[in-house]
N, C-alpha and C. Protein backbone atom coordinates (compact mmCIF):
# COMPACT_ATOMS: atom_id res chain seq x y z
N GLN A 1 10.93 23.18 42.02
CA GLN A 1 10.89 23.18 41.06
C GLN A 1 9.69 23.78 39.92
N VAL A 2 10.03 24.57 38.96
CA VAL A 2 8.48 24.73 38.53
C VAL A 2 7.67 24.55 37.42
N GLN A 3 6.85 24.26 37.44
CA GLN A 3 5.97 23.59 36.43
C GLN A 3 5.39 24.93 35.27
N LEU A 4 4.76 23.88 34.20
CA LEU A 4 5.09 25.16 32.83
C LEU A 4 3.41 24.61 32.59
N VAL A 5 2.17 24.90 32.10
CA VAL A 5 1.35 24.73 32.02
C VAL A 5 0.08 25.37 31.10
N GLU A 6 -0.20 25.05 29.64
CA GLU A 6 -0.62 25.08 28.66
C GLU A 6 -1.68 25.55 28.59
N SER A 7 -2.08 26.30 28.09
CA SER A 7 -4.27 26.44 27.35
C SER A 7 -4.61 27.82 26.62
N GLY A 8 -5.27 27.31 26.48
CA GLY A 8 -6.24 28.23 25.26
C GLY A 8 -6.45 27.51 24.03
N GLY A 9 -5.84 26.85 23.65
CA GLY A 9 -5.66 26.26 22.14
C GLY A 9 -6.80 25.66 21.90
N GLY A 10 -7.39 25.65 20.51
CA GLY A 10 -8.47 25.15 20.18
C GLY A 10 -8.72 25.01 18.57
N LEU A 11 -9.97 25.19 18.14
CA LEU A 11 -10.05 25.26 16.75
C LEU A 11 -10.89 26.56 16.31
N VAL A 12 -10.08 26.84 15.23
CA VAL A 12 -10.63 28.53 15.57
C VAL A 12 -10.31 28.35 12.88
N GLN A 13 -10.89 29.22 12.31
CA GLN A 13 -10.90 29.57 11.52
C GLN A 13 -10.04 30.31 10.62
N PRO A 14 -9.45 29.99 9.64
CA PRO A 14 -8.31 30.70 9.03
C PRO A 14 -8.50 31.79 9.49
N GLY A 15 -8.02 32.97 9.50
CA GLY A 15 -8.25 34.31 9.97
C GLY A 15 -8.54 35.20 11.65
N GLY A 16 -8.98 33.77 11.82
CA GLY A 16 -9.10 34.03 13.03
C GLY A 16 -8.24 34.04 14.40
N SER A 17 -8.02 34.38 15.62
CA SER A 17 -7.23 34.70 16.73
C SER A 17 -7.63 33.56 17.59
N LEU A 18 -6.66 33.28 18.32
CA LEU A 18 -6.01 32.45 19.73
C LEU A 18 -5.52 33.55 20.54
N ARG A 19 -5.84 32.86 21.98
CA ARG A 19 -4.83 33.69 22.94
C ARG A 19 -3.89 31.99 23.81
N LEU A 20 -2.70 32.13 23.13
CA LEU A 20 -2.39 30.65 24.36
C LEU A 20 -1.44 31.35 25.83
N SER A 21 -2.19 30.69 26.92
CA SER A 21 -1.33 31.00 28.38
C SER A 21 -0.23 29.67 28.61
N CYS A 22 0.41 30.27 29.46
CA CYS A 22 1.40 29.52 30.24
C CYS A 22 1.21 29.86 31.34
N ALA A 23 0.56 29.12 31.99
CA ALA A 23 0.95 30.03 33.31
C ALA A 23 2.21 28.42 34.29
N ALA A 24 3.26 29.24 35.32
CA ALA A 24 4.05 28.84 35.81
C ALA A 24 3.92 28.57 37.05
N SER A 25 4.09 27.74 37.90
CA SER A 25 4.06 27.56 38.84
C SER A 25 4.82 28.49 40.19
N ARG A 26 5.51 29.15 39.42
CA ARG A 26 6.11 30.51 40.30
C ARG A 26 6.93 31.72 39.80
N ASN A 27 6.84 32.63 39.59
CA ASN A 27 7.56 33.75 38.92
C ASN A 27 8.98 33.55 38.49
N ILE A 28 9.03 32.62 37.25
CA ILE A 28 10.77 32.97 36.83
C ILE A 28 11.02 33.71 35.73
N PHE A 29 10.31 34.61 35.44
CA PHE A 29 10.49 35.13 34.10
C PHE A 29 11.79 36.25 34.40
N SER A 30 12.08 36.73 35.61
CA SER A 30 13.45 37.21 35.74
C SER A 30 15.11 36.64 35.54
N ILE A 31 14.66 35.02 35.46
CA ILE A 31 15.87 34.49 35.51
C ILE A 31 15.83 34.00 33.88
N ASN A 32 14.89 33.62 33.47
CA ASN A 32 14.39 33.12 32.02
C ASN A 32 14.14 33.09 30.91
N THR A 33 14.42 33.27 29.60
CA THR A 33 14.04 33.30 28.64
C THR A 33 12.21 32.72 28.70
N MET A 34 11.83 32.99 28.36
CA MET A 34 10.24 31.99 27.90
C MET A 34 10.21 32.08 26.65
N GLY A 35 9.70 31.34 26.05
CA GLY A 35 9.44 31.01 24.82
C GLY A 35 7.85 30.40 24.74
N TRP A 36 7.88 30.19 23.32
CA TRP A 36 6.64 29.29 23.16
C TRP A 36 6.90 28.80 21.57
N TYR A 37 7.13 27.67 20.97
CA TYR A 37 7.60 26.55 19.94
C TYR A 37 5.82 26.00 19.68
N ARG A 38 6.08 25.78 18.46
CA ARG A 38 5.16 24.35 17.68
C ARG A 38 5.34 23.27 17.46
N GLN A 39 4.76 21.92 17.21
CA GLN A 39 4.99 21.20 16.70
C GLN A 39 3.99 20.36 15.61
N ALA A 40 4.14 20.11 14.98
CA ALA A 40 2.89 19.61 13.88
C ALA A 40 3.22 18.38 13.46
N PRO A 41 2.10 17.31 13.57
CA PRO A 41 2.84 15.69 13.36
C PRO A 41 3.69 15.47 11.90
N GLY A 42 4.71 14.92 12.67
CA GLY A 42 6.10 13.90 11.82
C GLY A 42 6.94 15.38 11.11
N LYS A 43 6.42 16.53 12.26
CA LYS A 43 7.35 17.93 11.43
C LYS A 43 8.57 17.73 12.87
N GLN A 44 8.90 18.54 12.62
CA GLN A 44 9.88 18.77 13.98
C GLN A 44 9.89 20.30 14.25
N ARG A 45 10.22 20.03 15.89
CA ARG A 45 9.68 21.58 16.57
C ARG A 45 10.95 22.77 17.06
N GLU A 46 9.60 23.65 16.65
CA GLU A 46 9.65 24.79 16.15
C GLU A 46 9.92 26.32 16.42
N LEU A 47 11.30 27.20 16.97
CA LEU A 47 10.68 27.95 17.25
C LEU A 47 9.33 29.18 17.18
N VAL A 48 8.82 29.79 17.78
CA VAL A 48 7.84 30.63 17.34
C VAL A 48 8.42 32.21 17.95
N ALA A 49 8.12 31.97 18.88
CA ALA A 49 8.11 33.34 19.89
C ALA A 49 9.32 33.13 21.02
N VAL A 50 9.94 34.50 21.52
CA VAL A 50 10.65 34.40 23.30
C VAL A 50 10.65 35.42 23.27
N ILE A 51 10.44 35.56 24.72
CA ILE A 51 10.88 37.07 25.09
C ILE A 51 11.49 36.99 26.34
N THR A 52 12.67 38.26 26.35
CA THR A 52 14.08 37.25 27.52
C THR A 52 12.85 37.89 29.18
N PRO A 53 14.09 38.18 29.96
CA PRO A 53 14.03 38.66 31.10
C PRO A 53 14.46 40.55 31.07
N GLY A 54 14.71 41.02 29.97
CA GLY A 54 14.76 42.33 29.76
C GLY A 54 13.42 42.93 29.27
N GLY A 55 12.51 41.77 28.52
CA GLY A 55 11.78 42.13 27.50
C GLY A 55 11.82 42.46 26.09
N THR A 56 12.72 41.77 25.67
CA THR A 56 12.81 41.47 24.08
C THR A 56 12.66 40.84 23.91
N THR A 57 11.87 40.92 23.09
CA THR A 57 10.88 40.00 22.06
C THR A 57 11.72 39.01 20.97
N ASN A 58 11.57 38.29 20.52
CA ASN A 58 12.01 37.81 19.05
C ASN A 58 10.75 36.95 17.90
N TYR A 59 10.78 37.02 17.57
CA TYR A 59 9.29 35.70 16.52
C TYR A 59 10.46 35.31 15.34
N ALA A 60 9.39 34.15 14.89
CA ALA A 60 9.86 33.50 13.74
C ALA A 60 9.66 34.62 12.76
N ASP A 61 10.26 34.62 11.40
CA ASP A 61 9.42 34.88 10.38
C ASP A 61 7.79 35.17 9.93
N SER A 62 7.54 33.76 10.14
CA SER A 62 6.33 33.47 9.76
C SER A 62 5.38 33.72 10.31
N VAL A 63 5.77 33.91 11.53
CA VAL A 63 4.25 34.52 12.52
C VAL A 63 4.43 36.55 13.05
N LYS A 64 5.86 37.19 12.01
CA LYS A 64 5.36 38.11 12.42
C LYS A 64 4.74 38.38 12.04
N GLY A 65 4.14 40.08 12.82
CA GLY A 65 2.95 41.04 12.49
C GLY A 65 1.98 39.79 12.85
N ARG A 66 1.81 38.91 13.14
CA ARG A 66 0.79 38.37 13.40
C ARG A 66 0.30 37.71 14.86
N PHE A 67 1.62 36.97 15.60
CA PHE A 67 1.56 37.03 16.96
C PHE A 67 2.10 38.20 17.69
N THR A 68 2.17 37.92 19.20
CA THR A 68 2.61 38.60 19.75
C THR A 68 2.18 38.25 20.97
N ILE A 69 4.13 37.85 22.10
CA ILE A 69 4.06 37.12 23.33
C ILE A 69 4.38 38.54 24.61
N SER A 70 3.57 38.28 25.26
CA SER A 70 3.39 39.06 26.36
C SER A 70 3.99 38.45 27.87
N ARG A 71 3.72 39.02 28.65
CA ARG A 71 4.13 38.34 30.24
C ARG A 71 2.99 39.05 30.98
N ASP A 72 2.96 38.94 31.94
CA ASP A 72 2.06 39.24 32.96
C ASP A 72 2.94 38.80 34.07
N ASN A 73 3.10 39.82 34.94
CA ASN A 73 4.33 39.39 36.07
C ASN A 73 3.73 38.46 37.62
N ALA A 74 2.23 39.47 37.37
CA ALA A 74 1.60 38.84 38.87
C ALA A 74 1.36 37.95 38.96
N LYS A 75 0.55 37.18 37.68
CA LYS A 75 0.07 36.50 37.22
C LYS A 75 0.63 34.96 37.20
N SER A 76 2.11 35.19 37.35
CA SER A 76 3.29 34.64 36.94
C SER A 76 3.10 33.91 35.09
N THR A 77 2.23 34.43 34.32
CA THR A 77 1.87 33.81 33.14
C THR A 77 2.73 34.16 32.20
N VAL A 78 2.26 33.77 31.04
CA VAL A 78 3.47 34.13 29.60
C VAL A 78 1.96 34.12 28.58
N TYR A 79 1.35 34.35 27.33
CA TYR A 79 1.06 34.57 26.77
C TYR A 79 1.20 34.59 24.83
N LEU A 80 0.68 33.98 24.20
CA LEU A 80 1.33 34.24 23.00
C LEU A 80 -0.16 34.79 22.37
N GLN A 81 -0.51 35.91 21.77
CA GLN A 81 -2.05 36.64 21.49
C GLN A 81 -1.37 35.73 19.40
N MET A 82 -2.07 35.00 18.72
CA MET A 82 -2.29 34.88 17.49
C MET A 82 -3.32 35.44 16.77
N ASN A 83 -2.94 36.22 15.80
CA ASN A 83 -3.80 36.74 15.07
C ASN A 83 -3.88 36.23 13.41
N SER A 84 -4.78 36.39 12.30
CA SER A 84 -4.49 36.39 11.17
C SER A 84 -3.68 34.67 11.34
N LEU A 85 -4.60 34.04 11.76
CA LEU A 85 -4.04 32.81 11.85
C LEU A 85 -4.40 32.26 10.39
N LYS A 86 -3.47 31.22 10.01
CA LYS A 86 -3.14 30.41 8.97
C LYS A 86 -2.87 28.54 9.00
N PRO A 87 -3.55 28.17 8.12
CA PRO A 87 -4.26 26.38 8.61
C PRO A 87 -2.54 25.75 8.59
N GLU A 88 -1.25 26.31 8.04
CA GLU A 88 -0.04 26.29 8.71
C GLU A 88 0.19 26.40 9.99
N ASP A 89 -0.39 27.36 11.09
CA ASP A 89 0.33 27.45 11.76
C ASP A 89 -0.39 26.40 12.84
N THR A 90 -1.08 25.29 12.32
CA THR A 90 -1.84 23.94 12.71
C THR A 90 -0.28 23.10 13.58
N ALA A 91 -0.61 23.36 15.20
CA ALA A 91 0.40 22.32 15.56
C ALA A 91 -0.11 22.34 17.55
N VAL A 92 0.78 21.51 17.99
CA VAL A 92 0.50 21.49 19.21
C VAL A 92 1.96 23.13 19.66
N TYR A 93 1.43 24.07 20.32
CA TYR A 93 2.34 24.65 20.75
C TYR A 93 2.71 24.23 22.23
N TYR A 94 3.59 24.53 22.39
CA TYR A 94 4.76 24.41 24.18
C TYR A 94 5.19 25.37 24.33
N CYS A 95 5.40 25.57 26.01
CA CYS A 95 6.04 26.95 26.65
C CYS A 95 7.18 26.54 26.88
N ASN A 96 8.57 27.47 26.66
CA ASN A 96 9.53 26.82 27.13
C ASN A 96 10.50 27.67 28.12
N ALA A 97 10.67 27.39 28.81
CA ALA A 97 11.44 28.26 29.29
C ALA A 97 13.35 27.87 29.98
N ARG A 98 14.11 28.85 29.06
CA ARG A 98 15.46 28.42 29.45
C ARG A 98 16.36 29.40 30.29
N GLY A 99 17.02 29.24 31.28
CA GLY A 99 17.64 29.58 32.30
C GLY A 99 18.99 28.08 32.58
N VAL A 100 18.99 28.40 33.56
CA VAL A 100 19.81 27.17 34.68
C VAL A 100 18.94 25.73 33.89
N VAL A 101 18.75 25.51 34.17
CA VAL A 101 17.95 24.70 33.03
C VAL A 101 16.95 24.63 32.36
N THR A 102 16.41 23.52 31.06
CA THR A 102 15.07 24.34 29.76
C THR A 102 14.01 23.33 31.06
N LEU A 103 13.09 24.11 30.53
CA LEU A 103 11.60 23.60 31.47
C LEU A 103 10.42 23.24 29.72
N TRP A 104 9.55 22.34 30.15
CA TRP A 104 8.68 22.70 28.86
C TRP A 104 7.21 22.10 29.40
N GLY A 105 6.14 22.95 29.30
CA GLY A 105 4.93 22.38 29.68
C GLY A 105 4.60 21.35 28.47
N ARG A 106 3.26 21.11 28.86
CA ARG A 106 3.32 19.49 28.11
C ARG A 106 2.58 19.58 26.20
N GLY A 107 2.10 21.28 26.17
CA GLY A 107 1.35 21.18 25.16
C GLY A 107 -0.03 21.92 24.85
N THR A 108 -0.67 22.34 23.97
CA THR A 108 -1.63 22.86 23.60
C THR A 108 -1.71 22.54 22.29
N GLN A 109 -3.27 21.82 22.02
CA GLN A 109 -3.58 21.31 20.61
C GLN A 109 -4.01 22.85 20.02
N VAL A 110 -3.66 23.54 18.97
CA VAL A 110 -4.41 24.82 17.91
C VAL A 110 -4.36 24.07 16.92
N THR A 111 -5.42 23.98 16.40
CA THR A 111 -5.91 23.88 14.68
C THR A 111 -6.72 25.14 13.62
N VAL A 112 -6.38 24.90 13.12
CA VAL A 112 -6.87 25.72 12.00
C VAL A 112 -7.10 25.02 10.84
N SER A 113 -8.60 25.86 10.94
CA SER A 113 -9.39 24.83 9.48
C SER A 113 -10.80 25.47 9.41
N SER A 114 -11.19 25.36 8.38
CA SER A 114 -12.89 25.74 8.10
C SER A 114 -13.84 24.60 7.83
């Protein structure tokens, strides 16, 4: 079974940048759409970005032009580069894989505050 482990979260000032990583215990990118979701306290989990097995990407309107999802097949890792961060980006960010089954990481906290 595949496991997903997020890392890279932390505290950053508005306008700053972070890069989140999602390490998969084995390479699943050829058969799974990978995604990043986020959930703020008291709010529903929402989609941030996805990348398909073919490399097509899609983003929530709120992060277009600021966030970039990518992957490194050799490292079995998916990334979320987050630039120009805003306080409303504060949330726990979760890595997701959708294929035969849906898998979730445990999340990494991102806090954007001055």
